[in-house]
Amino acid sequence: MRAREVDPVDACRAIARRHSKTFYWSSLFLPAVRRRAVWAVYAFCRRADDIVDDDAPVAQREAALDRWERAARDAFAGRPNEDPVLIALAGAVARFGVPLAPALALLRGARQDLRIQRYASYEDLREYCDLVAATVGQLVLPILGARDPRAERYATALGRAMQMTNILRDVGEDARLGRVYLPAEDLRRFGYSEEAIFAHALDDRFVALMRFEIARVRELYAQAEPGVAMLEPSSRFTVGVALSLYRAILERIEANGYDVFGRRAYVPLRGKLLGALSIALAR
């Protein structure tokens, strides 16, 4: 089947459902028109991730990102090619005014991921998180109906928190790809090392390091929470659920004894349902 025969909504929904169960599940609480637009943005971002994670030589992946950026610029200008993701993205841009600038910043972050796989300090890592994750919040704010210009600050904090959560959950998986995102200054602080990460050393030093990082990420979630109230009422529940479920991944890491080398931390369906229910009762 040719790309133009694929329904753009179905294509984006399938990408979201396959790659991020937590995001997809929380998106189901949005009104349909907002849900479809959020899926389109997610699918656009996911395509960039897939290019970065491909096994092709770096130069080829950089060229692929260049092509994806040119196609994205056309989509934002209302001239998408036949790719169903870009058709859906163009529709979201037309309906909600999704901005181009954070999309280009996200692609800069994707290019950085091809060349930089170590971070000396938390400040360096935070800048990376802002490129690849805070930008996603900026892309979806118009879709979610941000009512206050201050909402962008809270969206940035939430994007950082979610990306840091992914980094902590995926320490082992990233190590297998030769990547170490935990800041070198933090490794030194706790007497840990890159070599220990590659050896999957789950010792007292690593537990102390993870406790420190988790506390830092929890503070980011706390900073982000006030921004939920600045969204369109129909979007608040979804964002509240997403925040709650991503934060719960930190609890799963703790429950797994900080073993992020051999066990993947995730929130099971029962936990998702209970989390959504608790938010609904608190409204």
Foldseek 3Di string as FASTA:
>chain_A
DDQLVDALLVVLLVVCVVPPVLLSVLLVLFPPVLSSQLSLLVVLLVVLVCLLPDPDDLVVSLVVLVVSLVQLVCLLVVRHDSHSSSVSNSVSCVPQVQDDVLVVLLSVLSNVSNPDQAAADVVRLLSSLCSNFLSSLSRSQSSQAQQDPCLSVLSSLLSSLLVLLVLLLQLQVVVVVVHHSPHPVLCVVLVHDNVCSNVQPLDPSLLVSLVVSLVVSVVSLVSNVVSLVRTDPSNSLSVQLSSQQSNCLSVQCVVVVVRSNPDGRHQDPVNSVVSSVVVVVVD
